């Protein structure tokens, strides 16, 4: 089976682009989660939302805020790869 490098490039570009956008948007997503679940605002909402998405605080055995950013970024990249796969079917 021959590899179509155009299709691989399309999927890769879509995955990287959405990953970067998701990483940049992770504080906003963390704020939304912290505000919706815990009713907090400001830095407390962002910190708690990202820690929640990261599996809990470092002290409780979770991955903390870094885990939340990683979760959001990887989810965005996976979504981008899926969209890129659909777009790649249209490439010759």
PDB file of N, CA and C in Angstrom:
ATOM      1  N   UNK A   1       0.842  -1.169   0.000  1.00  0.00           N
ATOM      2  CA  UNK A   1       0.000   0.000   0.000  1.00  0.00           C
ATOM      3  C   UNK A   1       0.895   1.241   0.000  1.00  0.00           C
ATOM      4  N   UNK A   2       0.596   2.146  -0.896  1.00  0.00           N
ATOM      5  CA  UNK A   2       1.390   3.359  -1.038  1.00  0.00           C
ATOM      6  C   UNK A   2       0.879   4.436  -0.080  1.00  0.00           C
ATOM      7  N   UNK A   3       1.811   5.110   0.578  1.00  0.00           N
ATOM      8  CA  UNK A   3       1.459   6.177   1.516  1.00  0.00           C
ATOM      9  C   UNK A   3       1.291   7.478   0.748  1.00  0.00           C
ATOM     10  N   UNK A   4       0.185   8.142   0.974  1.00  0.00           N
ATOM     11  CA  UNK A   4      -0.046   9.451   0.375  1.00  0.00           C
ATOM     12  C   UNK A   4       0.441  10.512   1.355  1.00  0.00           C
ATOM     13  N   UNK A   5       1.588  11.097   1.054  1.00  0.00           N
ATOM     14  CA  UNK A   5       2.189  12.067   1.967  1.00  0.00           C
ATOM     15  C   UNK A   5       1.384  13.360   2.025  1.00  0.00           C
ATOM     16  N   UNK A   6       0.607  13.652   1.000  1.00  0.00           N
ATOM     17  CA  UNK A   6      -0.280  14.813   1.059  1.00  0.00           C
ATOM     18  C   UNK A   6      -1.327  14.612   2.150  1.00  0.00           C
ATOM     19  N   UNK A   7      -1.896  13.421   2.215  1.00  0.00           N
ATOM     20  CA  UNK A   7      -2.909  13.139   3.224  1.00  0.00           C
ATOM     21  C   UNK A   7      -2.308  13.138   4.622  1.00  0.00           C
ATOM     22  N   UNK A   8      -1.115  12.590   4.757  1.00  0.00           N
ATOM     23  CA  UNK A   8      -0.433  12.597   6.051  1.00  0.00           C
ATOM     24  C   UNK A   8      -0.168  14.031   6.494  1.00  0.00           C
ATOM     25  N   UNK A   9       0.247  14.874   5.555  1.00  0.00           N
ATOM     26  CA  UNK A   9       0.519  16.276   5.876  1.00  0.00           C
ATOM     27  C   UNK A   9      -0.749  17.007   6.291  1.00  0.00           C
ATOM     28  N   UNK A  10      -1.858  16.742   5.605  1.00  0.00           N
ATOM     29  CA  UNK A  10      -3.126  17.392   5.948  1.00  0.00           C
ATOM     30  C   UNK A  10      -3.549  17.015   7.359  1.00  0.00           C
ATOM     31  N   UNK A  11      -3.474  15.734   7.683  1.00  0.00           N
ATOM     32  CA  UNK A  11      -3.853  15.280   9.023  1.00  0.00           C
ATOM     33  C   UNK A  11      -2.924  15.886  10.071  1.00  0.00           C
ATOM     34  N   UNK A  12      -1.631  15.907   9.789  1.00  0.00           N
ATOM     35  CA  UNK A  12      -0.668  16.467  10.737  1.00  0.00           C
ATOM     36  C   UNK A  12      -0.868  17.950  10.972  1.00  0.00           C
ATOM     37  N   UNK A  13      -1.095  18.694   9.911  1.00  0.00           N
ATOM     38  CA  UNK A  13      -1.306  20.136  10.055  1.00  0.00           C
ATOM     39  C   UNK A  13      -2.577  20.418  10.843  1.00  0.00           C
ATOM     40  N   UNK A  14      -3.641  19.683  10.563  1.00  0.00           N
ATOM     41  CA  UNK A  14      -4.890  19.884  11.305  1.00  0.00           C
ATOM     42  C   UNK A  14      -4.717  19.540  12.784  1.00  0.00           C
ATOM     43  N   UNK A  15      -4.020  18.453  13.072  1.00  0.00           N
ATOM     44  CA  UNK A  15      -3.812  18.062  14.467  1.00  0.00           C
ATOM     45  C   UNK A  15      -2.960  19.079  15.206  1.00  0.00           C
ATOM     46  N   UNK A  16      -1.894  19.560  14.583  1.00  0.00           N
ATOM     47  CA  UNK A  16      -1.028  20.542  15.240  1.00  0.00           C
ATOM     48  C   UNK A  16      -1.757  21.863  15.434  1.00  0.00           C
ATOM     49  N   UNK A  17      -2.473  22.303  14.414  1.00  0.00           N
ATOM     50  CA  UNK A  17      -3.173  23.588  14.513  1.00  0.00           C
ATOM     51  C   UNK A  17      -4.230  23.577  15.616  1.00  0.00           C
ATOM     52  N   UNK A  18      -5.028  22.530  15.683  1.00  0.00           N
ATOM     53  CA  UNK A  18      -6.050  22.493  16.720  1.00  0.00           C
ATOM     54  C   UNK A  18      -5.441  22.273  18.097  1.00  0.00           C
ATOM     55  N   UNK A  19      -4.319  21.573  18.165  1.00  0.00           N
ATOM     56  CA  UNK A  19      -3.627  21.412  19.441  1.00  0.00           C
ATOM     57  C   UNK A  19      -3.114  22.731  19.980  1.00  0.00           C
ATOM     58  N   UNK A  20      -2.548  23.549  19.097  1.00  0.00           N
ATOM     59  CA  UNK A  20      -2.054  24.871  19.511  1.00  0.00           C
ATOM     60  C   UNK A  20      -3.215  25.763  19.951  1.00  0.00           C
ATOM     61  N   UNK A  21      -4.296  25.734  19.194  1.00  0.00           N
ATOM     62  CA  UNK A  21      -5.470  26.542  19.554  1.00  0.00           C
ATOM     63  C   UNK A  21      -6.052  26.069  20.886  1.00  0.00           C
ATOM     64  N   UNK A  22      -6.132  24.761  21.084  1.00  0.00           N
ATOM     65  CA  UNK A  22      -6.665  24.230  22.342  1.00  0.00           C
ATOM     66  C   UNK A  22      -5.765  24.592  23.516  1.00  0.00           C
ATOM     67  N   UNK A  23      -4.460  24.555  23.306  1.00  0.00           N
ATOM     68  CA  UNK A  23      -3.533  24.929  24.374  1.00  0.00           C
ATOM     69  C   UNK A  23      -3.701  26.394  24.739  1.00  0.00           C
ATOM     70  N   UNK A  24      -3.864  27.242  23.740  1.00  0.00           N
ATOM     71  CA  UNK A  24      -4.061  28.667  24.002  1.00  0.00           C
ATOM     72  C   UNK A  24      -5.398  28.933  24.679  1.00  0.00           C
ATOM     73  N   UNK A  25      -6.388  28.111  24.398  1.00  0.00           N
ATOM     74  CA  UNK A  25      -7.716  28.301  24.976  1.00  0.00           C
ATOM     75  C   UNK A  25      -7.894  27.575  26.303  1.00  0.00           C
ATOM     76  N   UNK A  26      -6.900  26.842  26.761  1.00  0.00           N
ATOM     77  CA  UNK A  26      -7.067  26.048  27.983  1.00  0.00           C
ATOM     78  C   UNK A  26      -7.379  26.881  29.226  1.00  0.00           C
ATOM     79  N   UNK A  27      -6.817  28.084  29.414  1.00  0.00           N
ATOM     80  CA  UNK A  27      -7.254  28.862  30.586  1.00  0.00           C
ATOM     81  C   UNK A  27      -8.734  29.244  30.537  1.00  0.00           C
ATOM     82  N   UNK A  28      -9.229  29.545  29.341  1.00  0.00           N
ATOM     83  CA  UNK A  28     -10.648  29.897  29.203  1.00  0.00           C
ATOM     84  C   UNK A  28     -11.524  28.681  29.493  1.00  0.00           C
ATOM     85  N   UNK A  29     -11.116  27.531  28.992  1.00  0.00           N
ATOM     86  CA  UNK A  29     -11.876  26.305  29.246  1.00  0.00           C
ATOM     87  C   UNK A  29     -11.808  25.950  30.728  1.00  0.00           C
ATOM     88  N   UNK A  30     -10.624  26.088  31.325  1.00  0.00           N
ATOM     89  CA  UNK A  30     -10.488  25.843  32.758  1.00  0.00           C
ATOM     90  C   UNK A  30     -11.356  26.769  33.579  1.00  0.00           C
ATOM     91  N   UNK A  31     -11.411  28.037  33.188  1.00  0.00           N
ATOM     92  CA  UNK A  31     -12.277  28.996  33.879  1.00  0.00           C
ATOM     93  C   UNK A  31     -13.738  28.581  33.758  1.00  0.00           C
ATOM     94  N   UNK A  32     -14.154  28.188  32.561  1.00  0.00           N
ATOM     95  CA  UNK A  32     -15.549  27.795  32.354  1.00  0.00           C
ATOM     96  C   UNK A  32     -15.909  26.585  33.210  1.00  0.00           C
ATOM     97  N   UNK A  33     -15.001  25.616  33.296  1.00  0.00           N
ATOM     98  CA  UNK A  33     -15.265  24.423  34.110  1.00  0.00           C
ATOM     99  C   UNK A  33     -15.314  24.796  35.593  1.00  0.00           C
ATOM    100  N   UNK A  34     -14.348  25.592  36.051  1.00  0.00           N
ATOM    101  CA  UNK A  34     -14.328  25.988  37.456  1.00  0.00           C
ATOM    102  C   UNK A  34     -15.520  26.834  37.844  1.00  0.00           C
ATOM    103  N   UNK A  35     -15.958  27.684  36.941  1.00  0.00           N
ATOM    104  CA  UNK A  35     -17.115  28.524  37.222  1.00  0.00           C
ATOM    105  C   UNK A  35     -18.394  27.695  37.220  1.00  0.00           C
ATOM    106  N   UNK A  36     -18.528  26.783  36.269  1.00  0.00           N
ATOM    107  CA  UNK A  36     -19.755  25.982  36.164  1.00  0.00           C
ATOM    108  C   UNK A  36     -19.872  24.961  37.290  1.00  0.00           C
ATOM    109  N   UNK A  37     -18.788  24.298  37.635  1.00  0.00           N
ATOM    110  CA  UNK A  37     -18.862  23.233  38.635  1.00  0.00           C
ATOM    111  C   UNK A  37     -18.779  23.743  40.062  1.00  0.00           C
ATOM    112  N   UNK A  38     -17.924  24.752  40.282  1.00  0.00           N
ATOM    113  CA  UNK A  38     -17.660  25.177  41.653  1.00  0.00           C
ATOM    114  C   UNK A  38     -18.219  26.559  41.978  1.00  0.00           C
ATOM    115  N   UNK A  39     -18.644  27.301  40.964  1.00  0.00           N
ATOM    116  CA  UNK A  39     -19.223  28.611  41.194  1.00  0.00           C
ATOM    117  C   UNK A  39     -18.210  29.695  41.527  1.00  0.00           C
ATOM    118  N   UNK A  40     -16.935  29.443  41.284  1.00  0.00           N
ATOM    119  CA  UNK A  40     -15.891  30.418  41.587  1.00  0.00           C
ATOM    120  C   UNK A  40     -15.639  31.301  40.380  1.00  0.00           C
ATOM    121  N   UNK A  41     -14.936  32.395  40.609  1.00  0.00           N
ATOM    122  CA  UNK A  41     -14.572  33.296  39.521  1.00  0.00           C
ATOM    123  C   UNK A  41     -13.087  33.607  39.603  1.00  0.00           C
ATOM    124  N   UNK A  42     -12.559  34.160  38.528  1.00  0.00           N
ATOM    125  CA  UNK A  42     -11.159  34.590  38.499  1.00  0.00           C
ATOM    126  C   UNK A  42     -10.175  33.442  38.497  1.00  0.00           C
ATOM    127  N   UNK A  43      -9.047  33.696  39.153  1.00  0.00           N
ATOM    128  CA  UNK A  43      -7.961  32.706  39.173  1.00  0.00           C
ATOM    129  C   UNK A  43      -8.371  31.408  39.857  1.00  0.00           C
ATOM    130  N   UNK A  44      -9.231  31.515  40.856  1.00  0.00           N
ATOM    131  CA  UNK A  44      -9.674  30.306  41.561  1.00  0.00           C
ATOM    132  C   UNK A  44     -10.453  29.389  40.627  1.00  0.00           C
ATOM    133  N   UNK A  45     -11.286  29.977  39.778  1.00  0.00           N
ATOM    134  CA  UNK A  45     -12.051  29.159  38.832  1.00  0.00           C
ATOM    135  C   UNK A  45     -11.126  28.502  37.817  1.00  0.00           C
ATOM    136  N   UNK A  46     -10.160  29.264  37.306  1.00  0.00           N
ATOM    137  CA  UNK A  46      -9.234  28.706  36.320  1.00  0.00           C
ATOM    138  C   UNK A  46      -8.395  27.590  36.934  1.00  0.00           C
ATOM    139  N   UNK A  47      -7.838  27.834  38.105  1.00  0.00           N
ATOM    140  CA  UNK A  47      -6.996  26.835  38.761  1.00  0.00           C
ATOM    141  C   UNK A  47      -7.782  25.573  39.103  1.00  0.00           C
ATOM    142  N   UNK A  48      -8.962  25.753  39.670  1.00  0.00           N
ATOM    143  CA  UNK A  48      -9.746  24.577  40.060  1.00  0.00           C
ATOM    144  C   UNK A  48     -10.261  23.811  38.853  1.00  0.00           C
ATOM    145  N   UNK A  49     -10.640  24.540  37.801  1.00  0.00           N
ATOM    146  CA  UNK A  49     -11.119  23.865  36.593  1.00  0.00           C
ATOM    147  C   UNK A  49     -10.035  23.051  35.918  1.00  0.00           C
ATOM    148  N   UNK A  50      -8.839  23.641  35.787  1.00  0.00           N
ATOM    149  CA  UNK A  50      -7.743  22.902  35.166  1.00  0.00           C
ATOM    150  C   UNK A  50      -7.305  21.725  36.033  1.00  0.00           C
ATOM    151  N   UNK A  51      -7.269  21.921  37.348  1.00  0.00           N
ATOM    152  CA  UNK A  51      -6.904  20.809  38.236  1.00  0.00           C
ATOM    153  C   UNK A  51      -7.951  19.702  38.182  1.00  0.00           C
ATOM    154  N   UNK A  52      -9.218  20.072  38.081  1.00  0.00           N
ATOM    155  CA  UNK A  52     -10.285  19.071  37.957  1.00  0.00           C
ATOM    156  C   UNK A  52     -10.095  18.241  36.688  1.00  0.00           C
ATOM    157  N   UNK A  53      -9.825  18.932  35.574  1.00  0.00           N
ATOM    158  CA  UNK A  53      -9.612  18.213  34.314  1.00  0.00           C
ATOM    159  C   UNK A  53      -8.333  17.398  34.331  1.00  0.00           C
ATOM    160  N   UNK A  54      -7.381  17.789  35.187  1.00  0.00           N
ATOM    161  CA  UNK A  54      -6.126  17.047  35.316  1.00  0.00           C
ATOM    162  C   UNK A  54      -6.187  15.905  36.304  1.00  0.00           C
ATOM    163  N   UNK A  55      -7.354  15.629  36.838  1.00  0.00           N
ATOM    164  CA  UNK A  55      -7.494  14.485  37.738  1.00  0.00           C
ATOM    165  C   UNK A  55      -7.328  14.843  39.201  1.00  0.00           C
ATOM    166  N   UNK A  56      -7.305  16.123  39.520  1.00  0.00           N
ATOM    167  CA  UNK A  56      -7.163  16.548  40.908  1.00  0.00           C
ATOM    168  C   UNK A  56      -5.834  17.246  41.135  1.00  0.00           C
ATOM    169  N   UNK A  57      -5.675  17.770  42.322  1.00  0.00           N
ATOM    170  CA  UNK A  57      -4.445  18.501  42.638  1.00  0.00           C
ATOM    171  C   UNK A  57      -3.273  17.534  42.781  1.00  0.00           C
ATOM    172  N   UNK A  58      -2.078  18.093  42.734  1.00  0.00           N
ATOM    173  CA  UNK A  58      -0.882  17.267  42.919  1.00  0.00           C
ATOM    174  C   UNK A  58      -0.855  16.641  44.311  1.00  0.00           C
ATOM    175  N   UNK A  59      -1.328  17.393  45.295  1.00  0.00           N
ATOM    176  CA  UNK A  59      -1.326  16.892  46.669  1.00  0.00           C
ATOM    177  C   UNK A  59      -2.246  15.689  46.851  1.00  0.00           C
ATOM    178  N   UNK A  60      -3.302  15.615  46.046  1.00  0.00           N
ATOM    179  CA  UNK A  60      -4.228  14.488  46.175  1.00  0.00           C
ATOM    180  C   UNK A  60      -3.905  13.343  45.216  1.00  0.00           C
ATOM    181  N   UNK A  61      -2.796  13.459  44.510  1.00  0.00           N
ATOM    182  CA  UNK A  61      -2.376  12.378  43.629  1.00  0.00           C
ATOM    183  C   UNK A  61      -2.739  12.568  42.174  1.00  0.00           C
ATOM    184  N   UNK A  62      -3.331  13.701  41.828  1.00  0.00           N
ATOM    185  CA  UNK A  62      -3.671  13.971  40.434  1.00  0.00           C
ATOM    186  C   UNK A  62      -2.513  14.642  39.703  1.00  0.00           C
ATOM    187  N   UNK A  63      -2.776  15.095  38.518  1.00  0.00           N
ATOM    188  CA  UNK A  63      -1.742  15.751  37.709  1.00  0.00           C
ATOM    189  C   UNK A  63      -1.819  17.274  37.789  1.00  0.00           C
ATOM    190  N   UNK A  64      -2.807  17.806  38.501  1.00  0.00           N
ATOM    191  CA  UNK A  64      -2.905  19.236  38.714  1.00  0.00           C
ATOM    192  C   UNK A  64      -3.266  20.010  37.463  1.00  0.00           C
ATOM    193  N   UNK A  65      -2.904  21.287  37.486  1.00  0.00           N
ATOM    194  CA  UNK A  65      -3.239  22.178  36.375  1.00  0.00           C
ATOM    195  C   UNK A  65      -2.515  21.769  35.095  1.00  0.00           C
ATOM    196  N   UNK A  66      -1.288  21.303  35.216  1.00  0.00           N
ATOM    197  CA  UNK A  66      -0.538  20.861  34.036  1.00  0.00           C
ATOM    198  C   UNK A  66      -1.236  19.688  33.365  1.00  0.00           C
ATOM    199  N   UNK A  67      -1.806  18.804  34.161  1.00  0.00           N
ATOM    200  CA  UNK A  67      -2.570  17.697  33.610  1.00  0.00           C
ATOM    201  C   UNK A  67      -3.818  18.169  32.889  1.00  0.00           C
ATOM    202  N   UNK A  68      -4.451  19.217  33.420  1.00  0.00           N
ATOM    203  CA  UNK A  68      -5.624  19.775  32.762  1.00  0.00           C
ATOM    204  C   UNK A  68      -5.287  20.389  31.420  1.00  0.00           C
ATOM    205  N   UNK A  69      -4.182  21.136  31.369  1.00  0.00           N
ATOM    206  CA  UNK A  69      -3.748  21.722  30.092  1.00  0.00           C
ATOM    207  C   UNK A  69      -3.388  20.620  29.109  1.00  0.00           C
ATOM    208  N   UNK A  70      -2.713  19.587  29.587  1.00  0.00           N
ATOM    209  CA  UNK A  70      -2.349  18.462  28.719  1.00  0.00           C
ATOM    210  C   UNK A  70      -3.593  17.751  28.199  1.00  0.00           C
ATOM    211  N   UNK A  71      -4.578  17.568  29.053  1.00  0.00           N
ATOM    212  CA  UNK A  71      -5.824  16.917  28.636  1.00  0.00           C
ATOM    213  C   UNK A  71      -6.531  17.730  27.559  1.00  0.00           C
ATOM    214  N   UNK A  72      -6.637  19.034  27.759  1.00  0.00           N
ATOM    215  CA  UNK A  72      -7.313  19.887  26.786  1.00  0.00           C
ATOM    216  C   UNK A  72      -6.558  19.903  25.460  1.00  0.00           C
ATOM    217  N   UNK A  73      -5.230  20.022  25.543  1.00  0.00           N
ATOM    218  CA  UNK A  73      -4.419  20.064  24.322  1.00  0.00           C
ATOM    219  C   UNK A  73      -4.491  18.754  23.550  1.00  0.00           C
ATOM    220  N   UNK A  74      -4.387  17.631  24.258  1.00  0.00           N
ATOM    221  CA  UNK A  74      -4.433  16.341  23.562  1.00  0.00           C
ATOM    222  C   UNK A  74      -5.818  16.061  22.986  1.00  0.00           C
ATOM    223  N   UNK A  75      -6.854  16.468  23.690  1.00  0.00           N
ATOM    224  CA  UNK A  75      -8.205  16.299  23.158  1.00  0.00           C
ATOM    225  C   UNK A  75      -8.400  17.135  21.900  1.00  0.00           C
ATOM    226  N   UNK A  76      -7.874  18.363  21.916  1.00  0.00           N
ATOM    227  CA  UNK A  76      -7.940  19.219  20.730  1.00  0.00           C
ATOM    228  C   UNK A  76      -7.173  18.633  19.562  1.00  0.00           C
ATOM    229  N   UNK A  77      -6.005  18.069  19.845  1.00  0.00           N
ATOM    230  CA  UNK A  77      -5.210  17.457  18.770  1.00  0.00           C
ATOM    231  C   UNK A  77      -5.905  16.243  18.178  1.00  0.00           C
ATOM    232  N   UNK A  78      -6.512  15.437  19.028  1.00  0.00           N
ATOM    233  CA  UNK A  78      -7.245  14.267  18.522  1.00  0.00           C
ATOM    234  C   UNK A  78      -8.434  14.685  17.664  1.00  0.00           C
ATOM    235  N   UNK A  79      -9.136  15.728  18.099  1.00  0.00           N
ATOM    236  CA  UNK A  79     -10.253  16.221  17.302  1.00  0.00           C
ATOM    237  C   UNK A  79      -9.763  16.754  15.962  1.00  0.00           C
ATOM    238  N   UNK A  80      -8.629  17.455  15.982  1.00  0.00           N
ATOM    239  CA  UNK A  80      -8.058  17.981  14.745  1.00  0.00           C
ATOM    240  C   UNK A  80      -7.604  16.875  13.804  1.00  0.00           C
ATOM    241  N   UNK A  81      -7.040  15.818  14.377  1.00  0.00           N
ATOM    242  CA  UNK A  81      -6.629  14.694  13.538  1.00  0.00           C
ATOM    243  C   UNK A  81      -7.836  14.026  12.889  1.00  0.00           C
ATOM    244  N   UNK A  82      -8.924  13.955  13.620  1.00  0.00           N
ATOM    245  CA  UNK A  82     -10.151  13.358  13.062  1.00  0.00           C
ATOM    246  C   UNK A  82     -10.691  14.216  11.929  1.00  0.00           C
ATOM    247  N   UNK A  83     -10.720  15.532  12.141  1.00  0.00           N
ATOM    248  CA  UNK A  83     -11.183  16.436  11.090  1.00  0.00           C
ATOM    249  C   UNK A  83     -10.217  16.381   9.908  1.00  0.00           C
ATOM    250  N   UNK A  84      -8.930  16.332  10.195  1.00  0.00           N
ATOM    251  CA  UNK A  84      -7.936  16.224   9.124  1.00  0.00           C
ATOM    252  C   UNK A  84      -8.083  14.956   8.311  1.00  0.00           C
ATOM    253  N   UNK A  85      -8.472  13.875   8.967  1.00  0.00           N
ATOM    254  CA  UNK A  85      -8.709  12.624   8.257  1.00  0.00           C
ATOM    255  C   UNK A  85      -9.868  12.763   7.284  1.00  0.00           C
ATOM    256  N   UNK A  86     -10.909  13.442   7.714  1.00  0.00           N
ATOM    257  CA  UNK A  86     -12.051  13.671   6.826  1.00  0.00           C
ATOM    258  C   UNK A  86     -11.672  14.573   5.662  1.00  0.00           C
ATOM    259  N   UNK A  87     -10.876  15.609   5.938  1.00  0.00           N
ATOM    260  CA  UNK A  87     -10.434  16.503   4.874  1.00  0.00           C
ATOM    261  C   UNK A  87      -9.503  15.772   3.918  1.00  0.00           C
ATOM    262  N   UNK A  88      -8.662  14.902   4.453  1.00  0.00           N
ATOM    263  CA  UNK A  88      -7.702  14.179   3.630  1.00  0.00           C
ATOM    264  C   UNK A  88      -8.371  13.244   2.634  1.00  0.00           C
ATOM    265  N   UNK A  89      -9.581  12.805   2.925  1.00  0.00           N
ATOM    266  CA  UNK A  89     -10.281  11.949   1.963  1.00  0.00           C
ATOM    267  C   UNK A  89     -10.645  12.725   0.696  1.00  0.00           C
ATOM    268  N   UNK A  90     -10.675  14.067   0.807  1.00  0.00           N
ATOM    269  CA  UNK A  90     -10.994  14.894  -0.358  1.00  0.00           C
ATOM    270  C   UNK A  90      -9.761  15.211  -1.199  1.00  0.00           C
ATOM    271  N   UNK A  91      -8.553  14.947  -0.638  1.00  0.00           N
ATOM    272  CA  UNK A  91      -7.307  15.234  -1.359  1.00  0.00           C
ATOM    273  C   UNK A  91      -7.015  14.072  -2.299  1.00  0.00           C
ATOM    274  N   UNK A  92      -6.520  14.396  -3.475  1.00  0.00           N
ATOM    275  CA  UNK A  92      -6.192  13.338  -4.458  1.00  0.00           C
ATOM    276  C   UNK A  92      -5.106  12.432  -3.955  1.00  0.00           C
TER     277      UNK A  92
END
